[in-house]
C-alpha atoms as a PDB file:
ATOM      1  CA  UNK A   1     245.293 -29.063 -87.673  1.00  0.00           C
ATOM      2  CA  UNK A   2     245.249 -31.077 -90.524  1.00  0.00           C
ATOM      3  CA  UNK A   3     247.573 -34.578 -90.668  1.00  0.00           C
ATOM      4  CA  UNK A   4     250.465 -34.495 -92.631  1.00  0.00           C
ATOM      5  CA  UNK A   5     248.952 -37.723 -94.193  1.00  0.00           C
ATOM      6  CA  UNK A   6     245.765 -35.839 -95.208  1.00  0.00           C
ATOM      7  CA  UNK A   7     247.847 -33.179 -97.060  1.00  0.00           C
ATOM      8  CA  UNK A   8     249.562 -35.873 -98.942  1.00  0.00           C
ATOM      9  CA  UNK A   9     246.476 -37.761 -99.691  1.00  0.00           C
ATOM     10  CA  UNK A  10     244.902 -34.185-101.341  1.00  0.00           C
ATOM     11  CA  UNK A  11     247.904 -33.754-103.364  1.00  0.00           C
ATOM     12  CA  UNK A  12     247.729 -37.349-105.019  1.00  0.00           C
ATOM     13  CA  UNK A  13     244.077 -36.750-105.421  1.00  0.00           C
ATOM     14  CA  UNK A  14     244.289 -33.724-106.895  1.00  0.00           C
ATOM     15  CA  UNK A  15     247.091 -35.054-109.596  1.00  0.00           C
ATOM     16  CA  UNK A  16     244.833 -37.515-110.549  1.00  0.00           C
ATOM     17  CA  UNK A  17     246.997 -40.195-108.860  1.00  0.00           C
ATOM     18  CA  UNK A  18     244.175 -42.182-107.570  1.00  0.00           C
ATOM     19  CA  UNK A  19     245.888 -45.329-106.409  1.00  0.00           C
ATOM     20  CA  UNK A  20     248.480 -43.276-104.446  1.00  0.00           C
ATOM     21  CA  UNK A  21     245.968 -40.859-103.230  1.00  0.00           C
ATOM     22  CA  UNK A  22     243.495 -44.024-101.970  1.00  0.00           C
ATOM     23  CA  UNK A  23     246.651 -45.322 -99.794  1.00  0.00           C
ATOM     24  CA  UNK A  24     247.588 -42.065 -98.384  1.00  0.00           C
ATOM     25  CA  UNK A  25     243.849 -41.576 -97.573  1.00  0.00           C
ATOM     26  CA  UNK A  26     243.923 -44.791 -95.762  1.00  0.00           C
ATOM     27  CA  UNK A  27     247.173 -43.895 -93.849  1.00  0.00           C
ATOM     28  CA  UNK A  28     245.505 -40.436 -92.795  1.00  0.00           C
ATOM     29  CA  UNK A  29     242.324 -42.560 -91.423  1.00  0.00           C
ATOM     30  CA  UNK A  30     244.404 -44.887 -89.652  1.00  0.00           C
ATOM     31  CA  UNK A  31     246.397 -41.751 -88.346  1.00  0.00           C
ATOM     32  CA  UNK A  32     243.011 -40.025 -87.109  1.00  0.00           C
ATOM     33  CA  UNK A  33     241.512 -43.228 -85.937  1.00  0.00           C
ATOM     34  CA  UNK A  34     244.381 -43.606 -83.583  1.00  0.00           C
ATOM     35  CA  UNK A  35     243.817 -39.885 -82.222  1.00  0.00           C
ATOM     36  CA  UNK A  36     239.611 -40.759 -82.032  1.00  0.00           C
ATOM     37  CA  UNK A  37     239.000 -38.256 -84.124  1.00  0.00           C
ATOM     38  CA  UNK A  38     236.522 -40.376 -85.378  1.00  0.00           C
ATOM     39  CA  UNK A  39     234.717 -38.070 -87.716  1.00  0.00           C
ATOM     40  CA  UNK A  40     237.896 -37.143 -89.626  1.00  0.00           C
ATOM     41  CA  UNK A  41     238.994 -40.856 -89.598  1.00  0.00           C
ATOM     42  CA  UNK A  42     235.503 -41.991 -91.517  1.00  0.00           C
ATOM     43  CA  UNK A  43     235.758 -39.261 -94.466  1.00  0.00           C
ATOM     44  CA  UNK A  44     239.164 -40.235 -94.762  1.00  0.00           C
ATOM     45  CA  UNK A  45     238.350 -43.965 -95.133  1.00  0.00           C
ATOM     46  CA  UNK A  46     235.241 -43.254 -97.255  1.00  0.00           C
ATOM     47  CA  UNK A  47     237.407 -41.273 -99.655  1.00  0.00           C
ATOM     48  CA  UNK A  48     240.141 -44.083 -99.768  1.00  0.00           C
ATOM     49  CA  UNK A  49     237.031 -46.711-100.825  1.00  0.00           C
ATOM     50  CA  UNK A  50     235.750 -44.100-103.128  1.00  0.00           C
ATOM     51  CA  UNK A  51     239.380 -43.581-104.842  1.00  0.00           C
ATOM     52  CA  UNK A  52     239.268 -47.774-105.272  1.00  0.00           C
ATOM     53  CA  UNK A  53     241.611 -48.547-102.336  1.00  0.00           C
ATOM     54  CA  UNK A  54     242.134 -52.438-102.923  1.00  0.00           C
ATOM     55  CA  UNK A  55     241.349 -53.559 -99.331  1.00  0.00           C
ATOM     56  CA  UNK A  56     237.456 -52.736 -99.624  1.00  0.00           C
ATOM     57  CA  UNK A  57     236.650 -55.227 -97.093  1.00  0.00           C
ATOM     58  CA  UNK A  58     239.491 -53.508 -94.715  1.00  0.00           C
ATOM     59  CA  UNK A  59     237.759 -50.367 -95.199  1.00  0.00           C
ATOM     60  CA  UNK A  60     234.431 -51.109 -95.139  1.00  0.00           C
ATOM     61  CA  UNK A  61     235.167 -52.881 -91.666  1.00  0.00           C
ATOM     62  CA  UNK A  62     236.742 -49.801 -90.142  1.00  0.00           C
ATOM     63  CA  UNK A  63     234.088 -47.410 -91.249  1.00  0.00           C
ATOM     64  CA  UNK A  64     231.536 -50.064 -89.526  1.00  0.00           C
ATOM     65  CA  UNK A  65     233.563 -49.699 -86.296  1.00  0.00           C
ATOM     66  CA  UNK A  66     233.721 -46.139 -86.452  1.00  0.00           C
ATOM     67  CA  UNK A  67     229.776 -45.949 -87.596  1.00  0.00           C
ATOM     68  CA  UNK A  68     228.906 -48.022 -84.302  1.00  0.00           C
ATOM     69  CA  UNK A  69     231.163 -45.813 -82.319  1.00  0.00           C
ATOM     70  CA  UNK A  70     228.746 -42.595 -83.285  1.00  0.00           C
ATOM     71  CA  UNK A  71     225.678 -44.865 -82.768  1.00  0.00           C
ATOM     72  CA  UNK A  72     224.618 -45.002 -86.557  1.00  0.00           C
ATOM     73  CA  UNK A  73     223.517 -48.751 -86.276  1.00  0.00           C
ATOM     74  CA  UNK A  74     221.570 -49.107 -89.401  1.00  0.00           C
ATOM     75  CA  UNK A  75     224.936 -47.828 -91.666  1.00  0.00           C
ATOM     76  CA  UNK A  76     227.251 -50.019 -89.410  1.00  0.00           C
ATOM     77  CA  UNK A  77     225.184 -53.134 -90.356  1.00  0.00           C
ATOM     78  CA  UNK A  78     225.549 -52.154 -93.669  1.00  0.00           C
ATOM     79  CA  UNK A  79     229.488 -51.622 -93.766  1.00  0.00           C
ATOM     80  CA  UNK A  80     229.717 -55.023 -91.870  1.00  0.00           C
ATOM     81  CA  UNK A  81     227.844 -56.718 -94.417  1.00  0.00           C
ATOM     82  CA  UNK A  82     229.676 -55.105 -97.320  1.00  0.00           C
ATOM     83  CA  UNK A  83     232.937 -56.375 -95.578  1.00  0.00           C
ATOM     84  CA  UNK A  84     231.517 -59.859 -94.930  1.00  0.00           C
ATOM     85  CA  UNK A  85     230.471 -60.014 -98.697  1.00  0.00           C
ATOM     86  CA  UNK A  86     234.236 -59.438 -99.857  1.00  0.00           C
ATOM     87  CA  UNK A  87     236.308 -60.819 -96.760  1.00  0.00           C
ATOM     88  CA  UNK A  88     238.135 -64.088 -96.609  1.00  0.00           C
ATOM     89  CA  UNK A  89     237.126 -66.945 -94.649  1.00  0.00           C
ATOM     90  CA  UNK A  90     239.237 -66.143 -91.886  1.00  0.00           C
ATOM     91  CA  UNK A  91     237.964 -63.107 -91.326  1.00  0.00           C
ATOM     92  CA  UNK A  92     234.405 -63.765 -91.735  1.00  0.00           C
ATOM     93  CA  UNK A  93     233.837 -64.940 -87.851  1.00  0.00           C
ATOM     94  CA  UNK A  94     235.226 -61.468 -86.599  1.00  0.00           C
ATOM     95  CA  UNK A  95     233.019 -59.730 -88.945  1.00  0.00           C
ATOM     96  CA  UNK A  96     229.681 -62.054 -87.578  1.00  0.00           C
ATOM     97  CA  UNK A  97     230.761 -61.083 -83.978  1.00  0.00           C
ATOM     98  CA  UNK A  98     230.767 -57.307 -84.822  1.00  0.00           C
ATOM     99  CA  UNK A  99     227.351 -57.836 -86.839  1.00  0.00           C
ATOM    100  CA  UNK A 100     226.206 -59.412 -83.502  1.00  0.00           C
ATOM    101  CA  UNK A 101     227.444 -56.833 -81.275  1.00  0.00           C
ATOM    102  CA  UNK A 102     225.591 -54.315 -83.547  1.00  0.00           C
ATOM    103  CA  UNK A 103     222.163 -56.081 -83.222  1.00  0.00           C
ATOM    104  CA  UNK A 104     222.725 -56.438 -79.319  1.00  0.00           C
ATOM    105  CA  UNK A 105     223.198 -52.390 -79.197  1.00  0.00           C
ATOM    106  CA  UNK A 106     219.783 -52.239 -81.048  1.00  0.00           C
ATOM    107  CA  UNK A 107     218.492 -54.636 -78.698  1.00  0.00           C
ATOM    108  CA  UNK A 108     217.633 -57.380 -81.036  1.00  0.00           C
ATOM    109  CA  UNK A 109     218.837 -60.427 -79.029  1.00  0.00           C
ATOM    110  CA  UNK A 110     217.813 -63.049 -81.412  1.00  0.00           C
ATOM    111  CA  UNK A 111     219.605 -61.713 -84.438  1.00  0.00           C
ATOM    112  CA  UNK A 112     222.746 -60.851 -81.891  1.00  0.00           C
ATOM    113  CA  UNK A 113     222.876 -64.689 -81.002  1.00  0.00           C
ATOM    114  CA  UNK A 114     222.648 -65.683 -84.244  1.00  0.00           C
ATOM    115  CA  UNK A 115     225.664 -63.679 -85.436  1.00  0.00           C
ATOM    116  CA  UNK A 116     227.417 -65.012 -82.561  1.00  0.00           C
ATOM    117  CA  UNK A 117     226.750 -68.559 -83.473  1.00  0.00           C
ATOM    118  CA  UNK A 118     227.899 -68.297 -86.928  1.00  0.00           C
ATOM    119  CA  UNK A 119     231.079 -66.524 -85.799  1.00  0.00           C
ATOM    120  CA  UNK A 120     231.549 -69.255 -83.041  1.00  0.00           C
ATOM    121  CA  UNK A 121     231.732 -71.891 -85.702  1.00  0.00           C
ATOM    122  CA  UNK A 122     234.675 -70.500 -87.372  1.00  0.00           C
ATOM    123  CA  UNK A 123     236.315 -69.421 -84.473  1.00  0.00           C
ATOM    124  CA  UNK A 124     239.508 -71.473 -83.851  1.00  0.00           C
ATOM    125  CA  UNK A 125     241.159 -69.224 -81.254  1.00  0.00           C
ATOM    126  CA  UNK A 126     240.684 -69.606 -77.470  1.00  0.00           C
ATOM    127  CA  UNK A 127     240.770 -65.536 -76.897  1.00  0.00           C
ATOM    128  CA  UNK A 128     238.709 -64.328 -79.680  1.00  0.00           C
ATOM    129  CA  UNK A 129     236.253 -67.528 -78.691  1.00  0.00           C
ATOM    130  CA  UNK A 130     236.441 -66.001 -74.860  1.00  0.00           C
ATOM    131  CA  UNK A 131     235.717 -62.553 -76.175  1.00  0.00           C
ATOM    132  CA  UNK A 132     232.903 -63.804 -77.934  1.00  0.00           C
ATOM    133  CA  UNK A 133     231.270 -65.994 -75.285  1.00  0.00           C
ATOM    134  CA  UNK A 134     231.660 -62.950 -73.049  1.00  0.00           C
ATOM    135  CA  UNK A 135     229.579 -60.562 -75.387  1.00  0.00           C
ATOM    136  CA  UNK A 136     227.064 -63.674 -75.698  1.00  0.00           C
ATOM    137  CA  UNK A 137     226.811 -63.736 -71.986  1.00  0.00           C
ATOM    138  CA  UNK A 138     225.541 -60.034 -71.819  1.00  0.00           C
ATOM    139  CA  UNK A 139     222.891 -60.287 -74.897  1.00  0.00           C
ATOM    140  CA  UNK A 140     221.458 -63.011 -72.551  1.00  0.00           C
ATOM    141  CA  UNK A 141     221.595 -61.297 -69.439  1.00  0.00           C
ATOM    142  CA  UNK A 142     219.958 -58.196 -71.419  1.00  0.00           C
ATOM    143  CA  UNK A 143     217.417 -60.351 -72.677  1.00  0.00           C
ATOM    144  CA  UNK A 144     216.773 -62.188 -69.112  1.00  0.00           C
ATOM    145  CA  UNK A 145     218.033 -65.683 -69.669  1.00  0.00           C
ATOM    146  CA  UNK A 146     220.183 -65.882 -66.734  1.00  0.00           C
ATOM    147  CA  UNK A 147     220.920 -69.407 -66.634  1.00  0.00           C
ATOM    148  CA  UNK A 148     222.670 -68.786 -70.044  1.00  0.00           C
ATOM    149  CA  UNK A 149     224.255 -65.711 -69.135  1.00  0.00           C
ATOM    150  CA  UNK A 150     226.125 -67.276 -66.380  1.00  0.00           C
ATOM    151  CA  UNK A 151     227.061 -70.300 -68.367  1.00  0.00           C
ATOM    152  CA  UNK A 152     228.405 -68.469 -71.271  1.00  0.00           C
ATOM    153  CA  UNK A 153     230.334 -65.940 -68.732  1.00  0.00           C
ATOM    154  CA  UNK A 154     232.034 -69.216 -67.350  1.00  0.00           C
ATOM    155  CA  UNK A 155     233.031 -70.533 -70.449  1.00  0.00           C
ATOM    156  CA  UNK A 156     234.402 -66.838 -71.372  1.00  0.00           C
ATOM    157  CA  UNK A 157     236.478 -67.051 -68.129  1.00  0.00           C
ATOM    158  CA  UNK A 158     237.890 -70.817 -68.466  1.00  0.00           C
ATOM    159  CA  UNK A 159     238.722 -69.869 -72.447  1.00  0.00           C
ATOM    160  CA  UNK A 160     240.460 -66.534 -71.305  1.00  0.00           C
ATOM    161  CA  UNK A 161     242.617 -68.096 -68.500  1.00  0.00           C
ATOM    162  CA  UNK A 162     243.464 -70.742 -71.122  1.00  0.00           C
ATOM    163  CA  UNK A 163     244.575 -68.226 -73.820  1.00  0.00           C
ATOM    164  CA  UNK A 164     246.243 -66.289 -70.944  1.00  0.00           C
ATOM    165  CA  UNK A 165     244.572 -63.039 -73.058  1.00  0.00           C
ATOM    166  CA  UNK A 166     244.363 -59.772 -71.054  1.00  0.00           C
ATOM    167  CA  UNK A 167     241.316 -58.231 -73.230  1.00  0.00           C
ATOM    168  CA  UNK A 168     239.284 -61.816 -73.102  1.00  0.00           C
ATOM    169  CA  UNK A 169     239.988 -61.762 -69.208  1.00  0.00           C
ATOM    170  CA  UNK A 170     239.095 -58.345 -68.580  1.00  0.00           C
ATOM    171  CA  UNK A 171     235.549 -58.946 -70.636  1.00  0.00           C
ATOM    172  CA  UNK A 172     235.116 -62.322 -68.561  1.00  0.00           C
ATOM    173  CA  UNK A 173     235.587 -60.545 -65.306  1.00  0.00           C
ATOM    174  CA  UNK A 174     233.351 -57.800 -66.204  1.00  0.00           C
ATOM    175  CA  UNK A 175     230.210 -59.908 -67.234  1.00  0.00           C
ATOM    176  CA  UNK A 176     230.811 -61.940 -64.390  1.00  0.00           C
ATOM    177  CA  UNK A 177     230.796 -58.862 -62.117  1.00  0.00           C
ATOM    178  CA  UNK A 178     227.770 -57.594 -63.756  1.00  0.00           C
ATOM    179  CA  UNK A 179     225.883 -61.154 -62.949  1.00  0.00           C
ATOM    180  CA  UNK A 180     227.104 -61.319 -59.558  1.00  0.00           C
ATOM    181  CA  UNK A 181     225.646 -57.860 -58.776  1.00  0.00           C
ATOM    182  CA  UNK A 182     222.278 -58.982 -60.120  1.00  0.00           C
ATOM    183  CA  UNK A 183     222.357 -62.070 -57.991  1.00  0.00           C
ATOM    184  CA  UNK A 184     222.870 -59.781 -55.151  1.00  0.00           C
ATOM    185  CA  UNK A 185     226.669 -60.718 -54.275  1.00  0.00           C
ATOM    186  CA  UNK A 186     227.955 -57.098 -54.006  1.00  0.00           C
ATOM    187  CA  UNK A 187     231.465 -58.493 -52.795  1.00  0.00           C
ATOM    188  CA  UNK A 188     231.984 -60.718 -55.702  1.00  0.00           C
ATOM    189  CA  UNK A 189     230.631 -58.263 -58.205  1.00  0.00           C
ATOM    190  CA  UNK A 190     233.157 -55.969 -56.984  1.00  0.00           C
ATOM    191  CA  UNK A 191     236.020 -58.373 -57.067  1.00  0.00           C
ATOM    192  CA  UNK A 192     235.486 -59.130 -60.706  1.00  0.00           C
ATOM    193  CA  UNK A 193     235.250 -55.587 -61.473  1.00  0.00           C
ATOM    194  CA  UNK A 194     237.987 -54.507 -60.068  1.00  0.00           C
ATOM    195  CA  UNK A 195     240.185 -57.265 -61.870  1.00  0.00           C
ATOM    196  CA  UNK A 196     238.610 -56.301 -65.098  1.00  0.00           C
ATOM    197  CA  UNK A 197     239.050 -52.431 -64.333  1.00  0.00           C
ATOM    198  CA  UNK A 198     242.743 -53.373 -63.723  1.00  0.00           C
ATOM    199  CA  UNK A 199     243.247 -55.803 -66.756  1.00  0.00           C
ATOM    200  CA  UNK A 200     241.837 -52.687 -68.925  1.00  0.00           C
ATOM    201  CA  UNK A 201     243.876 -50.085 -67.610  1.00  0.00           C
ATOM    202  CA  UNK A 202     247.229 -52.388 -67.875  1.00  0.00           C
ATOM    203  CA  UNK A 203     245.825 -52.896 -71.609  1.00  0.00           C
ATOM    204  CA  UNK A 204     245.385 -49.016 -72.436  1.00  0.00           C
ATOM    205  CA  UNK A 205     241.691 -50.713 -73.804  1.00  0.00           C
ATOM    206  CA  UNK A 206     239.570 -47.783 -73.564  1.00  0.00           C
ATOM    207  CA  UNK A 207     236.345 -49.907 -74.340  1.00  0.00           C
ATOM    208  CA  UNK A 208     236.899 -52.170 -71.445  1.00  0.00           C
ATOM    209  CA  UNK A 209     238.065 -49.415 -69.088  1.00  0.00           C
ATOM    210  CA  UNK A 210     234.797 -47.492 -69.350  1.00  0.00           C
ATOM    211  CA  UNK A 211     232.604 -50.588 -69.206  1.00  0.00           C
ATOM    212  CA  UNK A 212     234.266 -51.516 -65.955  1.00  0.00           C
ATOM    213  CA  UNK A 213     234.419 -48.082 -64.418  1.00  0.00           C
ATOM    214  CA  UNK A 214     230.528 -47.881 -65.388  1.00  0.00           C
ATOM    215  CA  UNK A 215     229.633 -51.555 -63.837  1.00  0.00           C
ATOM    216  CA  UNK A 216     231.811 -50.690 -60.762  1.00  0.00           C
ATOM    217  CA  UNK A 217     230.041 -47.402 -60.228  1.00  0.00           C
ATOM    218  CA  UNK A 218     226.594 -48.975 -60.348  1.00  0.00           C
ATOM    219  CA  UNK A 219     227.834 -51.934 -57.798  1.00  0.00           C
ATOM    220  CA  UNK A 220     229.587 -49.036 -55.339  1.00  0.00           C
ATOM    221  CA  UNK A 221     226.025 -47.248 -55.918  1.00  0.00           C
ATOM    222  CA  UNK A 222     224.249 -50.183 -55.094  1.00  0.00           C
ATOM    223  CA  UNK A 223     226.261 -50.744 -51.727  1.00  0.00           C
ATOM    224  CA  UNK A 224     225.258 -47.018 -50.852  1.00  0.00           C
ATOM    225  CA  UNK A 225     228.664 -45.753 -51.493  1.00  0.00           C
ATOM    226  CA  UNK A 226     227.491 -42.997 -53.630  1.00  0.00           C
ATOM    227  CA  UNK A 227     230.721 -40.610 -53.627  1.00  0.00           C
ATOM    228  CA  UNK A 228     232.853 -43.307 -54.960  1.00  0.00           C
ATOM    229  CA  UNK A 229     230.319 -44.425 -57.681  1.00  0.00           C
ATOM    230  CA  UNK A 230     229.959 -40.727 -58.826  1.00  0.00           C
ATOM    231  CA  UNK A 231     233.806 -40.368 -59.258  1.00  0.00           C
ATOM    232  CA  UNK A 232     233.752 -43.646 -61.082  1.00  0.00           C
ATOM    233  CA  UNK A 233     230.834 -42.738 -63.243  1.00  0.00           C
ATOM    234  CA  UNK A 234     232.665 -39.276 -64.032  1.00  0.00           C
ATOM    235  CA  UNK A 235     235.978 -41.081 -64.940  1.00  0.00           C
ATOM    236  CA  UNK A 236     233.929 -43.553 -67.286  1.00  0.00           C
ATOM    237  CA  UNK A 237     232.086 -40.482 -68.755  1.00  0.00           C
ATOM    238  CA  UNK A 238     235.429 -38.629 -69.468  1.00  0.00           C
ATOM    239  CA  UNK A 239     237.143 -41.822 -71.008  1.00  0.00           C
ATOM    240  CA  UNK A 240     234.004 -42.609 -73.239  1.00  0.00           C
ATOM    241  CA  UNK A 241     233.756 -39.099 -74.750  1.00  0.00           C
ATOM    242  CA  UNK A 242     237.560 -38.816 -75.654  1.00  0.00           C
ATOM    243  CA  UNK A 243     236.953 -42.508 -77.207  1.00  0.00           C
ATOM    244  CA  UNK A 244     233.689 -41.516 -78.758  1.00  0.00           C
ATOM    245  CA  UNK A 245     231.233 -44.126 -78.297  1.00  0.00           C
ATOM    246  CA  UNK A 246     227.874 -42.159 -78.022  1.00  0.00           C
ATOM    247  CA  UNK A 247     225.368 -44.850 -76.816  1.00  0.00           C
ATOM    248  CA  UNK A 248     227.480 -45.717 -74.053  1.00  0.00           C
ATOM    249  CA  UNK A 249     228.375 -41.798 -73.296  1.00  0.00           C
ATOM    250  CA  UNK A 250     224.328 -41.497 -72.916  1.00  0.00           C
ATOM    251  CA  UNK A 251     223.977 -44.266 -70.487  1.00  0.00           C
ATOM    252  CA  UNK A 252     226.817 -42.697 -68.517  1.00  0.00           C
ATOM    253  CA  UNK A 253     224.989 -39.239 -68.326  1.00  0.00           C
ATOM    254  CA  UNK A 254     221.863 -41.049 -67.523  1.00  0.00           C
ATOM    255  CA  UNK A 255     223.543 -43.360 -64.645  1.00  0.00           C
ATOM    256  CA  UNK A 256     225.224 -40.180 -63.342  1.00  0.00           C
ATOM    257  CA  UNK A 257     221.951 -38.601 -63.205  1.00  0.00           C
ATOM    258  CA  UNK A 258     220.619 -41.361 -61.138  1.00  0.00           C
ATOM    259  CA  UNK A 259     223.559 -41.257 -58.627  1.00  0.00           C
ATOM    260  CA  UNK A 260     223.716 -37.501 -58.281  1.00  0.00           C
ATOM    261  CA  UNK A 261     219.696 -37.625 -57.817  1.00  0.00           C
ATOM    262  CA  UNK A 262     220.151 -40.461 -55.029  1.00  0.00           C
ATOM    263  CA  UNK A 263     222.965 -37.751 -53.229  1.00  0.00           C
ATOM    264  CA  UNK A 264     220.078 -35.234 -53.261  1.00  0.00           C
ATOM    265  CA  UNK A 265     222.076 -33.276 -56.135  1.00  0.00           C
ATOM    266  CA  UNK A 266     219.132 -32.468 -58.119  1.00  0.00           C
ATOM    267  CA  UNK A 267     220.617 -29.889 -60.482  1.00  0.00           C
ATOM    268  CA  UNK A 268     223.647 -31.610 -61.354  1.00  0.00           C
ATOM    269  CA  UNK A 269     221.263 -34.433 -61.970  1.00  0.00           C
ATOM    270  CA  UNK A 270     218.808 -32.896 -64.284  1.00  0.00           C
ATOM    271  CA  UNK A 271     222.293 -31.250 -66.470  1.00  0.00           C
ATOM    272  CA  UNK A 272     223.320 -34.916 -66.764  1.00  0.00           C
ATOM    273  CA  UNK A 273     219.803 -35.994 -67.758  1.00  0.00           C
ATOM    274  CA  UNK A 274     219.327 -33.266 -70.473  1.00  0.00           C
ATOM    275  CA  UNK A 275     222.756 -34.193 -72.124  1.00  0.00           C
ATOM    276  CA  UNK A 276     221.872 -38.094 -71.882  1.00  0.00           C
ATOM    277  CA  UNK A 277     218.403 -37.201 -73.587  1.00  0.00           C
ATOM    278  CA  UNK A 278     219.756 -35.312 -76.609  1.00  0.00           C
ATOM    279  CA  UNK A 279     222.339 -38.117 -77.505  1.00  0.00           C
ATOM    280  CA  UNK A 280     219.799 -40.979 -77.010  1.00  0.00           C
ATOM    281  CA  UNK A 281     217.623 -39.047 -79.599  1.00  0.00           C
ATOM    282  CA  UNK A 282     220.839 -39.387 -81.885  1.00  0.00           C
ATOM    283  CA  UNK A 283     221.515 -43.142 -81.564  1.00  0.00           C
ATOM    284  CA  UNK A 284     220.117 -45.596 -83.536  1.00  0.00           C
ATOM    285  CA  UNK A 285     217.532 -44.825 -86.190  1.00  0.00           C
ATOM    286  CA  UNK A 286     216.818 -40.998 -85.705  1.00  0.00           C
ATOM    287  CA  UNK A 287     213.392 -40.497 -85.293  1.00  0.00           C
ATOM    288  CA  UNK A 288     212.158 -43.832 -84.429  1.00  0.00           C
ATOM    289  CA  UNK A 289     211.536 -44.872 -80.781  1.00  0.00           C
ATOM    290  CA  UNK A 290     213.782 -47.958 -79.742  1.00  0.00           C
ATOM    291  CA  UNK A 291     213.156 -48.626 -76.273  1.00  0.00           C
ATOM    292  CA  UNK A 292     216.258 -50.756 -75.804  1.00  0.00           C
ATOM    293  CA  UNK A 293     218.801 -47.890 -77.040  1.00  0.00           C
ATOM    294  CA  UNK A 294     217.208 -45.843 -73.915  1.00  0.00           C
ATOM    295  CA  UNK A 295     217.444 -48.884 -71.658  1.00  0.00           C
ATOM    296  CA  UNK A 296     221.116 -49.210 -71.551  1.00  0.00           C
ATOM    297  CA  UNK A 297     222.551 -49.535 -68.100  1.00  0.00           C
ATOM    298  CA  UNK A 298     225.280 -51.768 -67.998  1.00  0.00           C
ATOM    299  CA  UNK A 299     227.669 -53.572 -70.582  1.00  0.00           C
END
């Protein structure tokens, strides 16, 4: 059903009270976003913006966050750039970090790194710097620069520990787990990823939780523990679908298809593969082939 905030907003709008309507649409957007009704939240935020809400920078950023989850990456870049053009100096590094994240999702490693560098220059907070280094490490890993990936991940962990920030710690352990797995150290990979998952669950942070569950599923799969791997990947998919991150949802369907295939469950694997393909074609710039988008396995 429609939220009371949305009904109030429409009453103000019909009465021609644009300033009050804009505030109410912003509140309705925040309410919908809290429930992961992302599509509804986007529509409310865009209406608030059109009605002249004074916090244009904050609205453009919130719209960019939701466009990123929807896999509308070109739109997300435009929204974050619009936010950055209006943002205070204090908010700019956070927006540079988010711009870097979208470029990473698109597989444009160079653009991602240059935004991360710009963000780093303005960040004074250890927790925020730790999260940035963790994301930058992932970009380096995906680009194939293992040395830089390990160095950045170690830096992320040291800063996260100094800041005692649970979200930053979850991210640092997550990327360290991914890197350990690629170095063939499965015991260490599982330890880091279980630590990351425990932190993410305590935090109630769906994005960190999905990442740790997915990467732990891959680590268990690599160790031949296919039943456990499938259970973890299925949990990750359920959380990811409710939180609405389309690109990662597609990757999880793909990873599940591989695990089920390895178990000899061909029919179930094919069902997940079809869902992966359907979503992958909707992500990024529809109609253009972007190989990096289809290659997403871990994050």
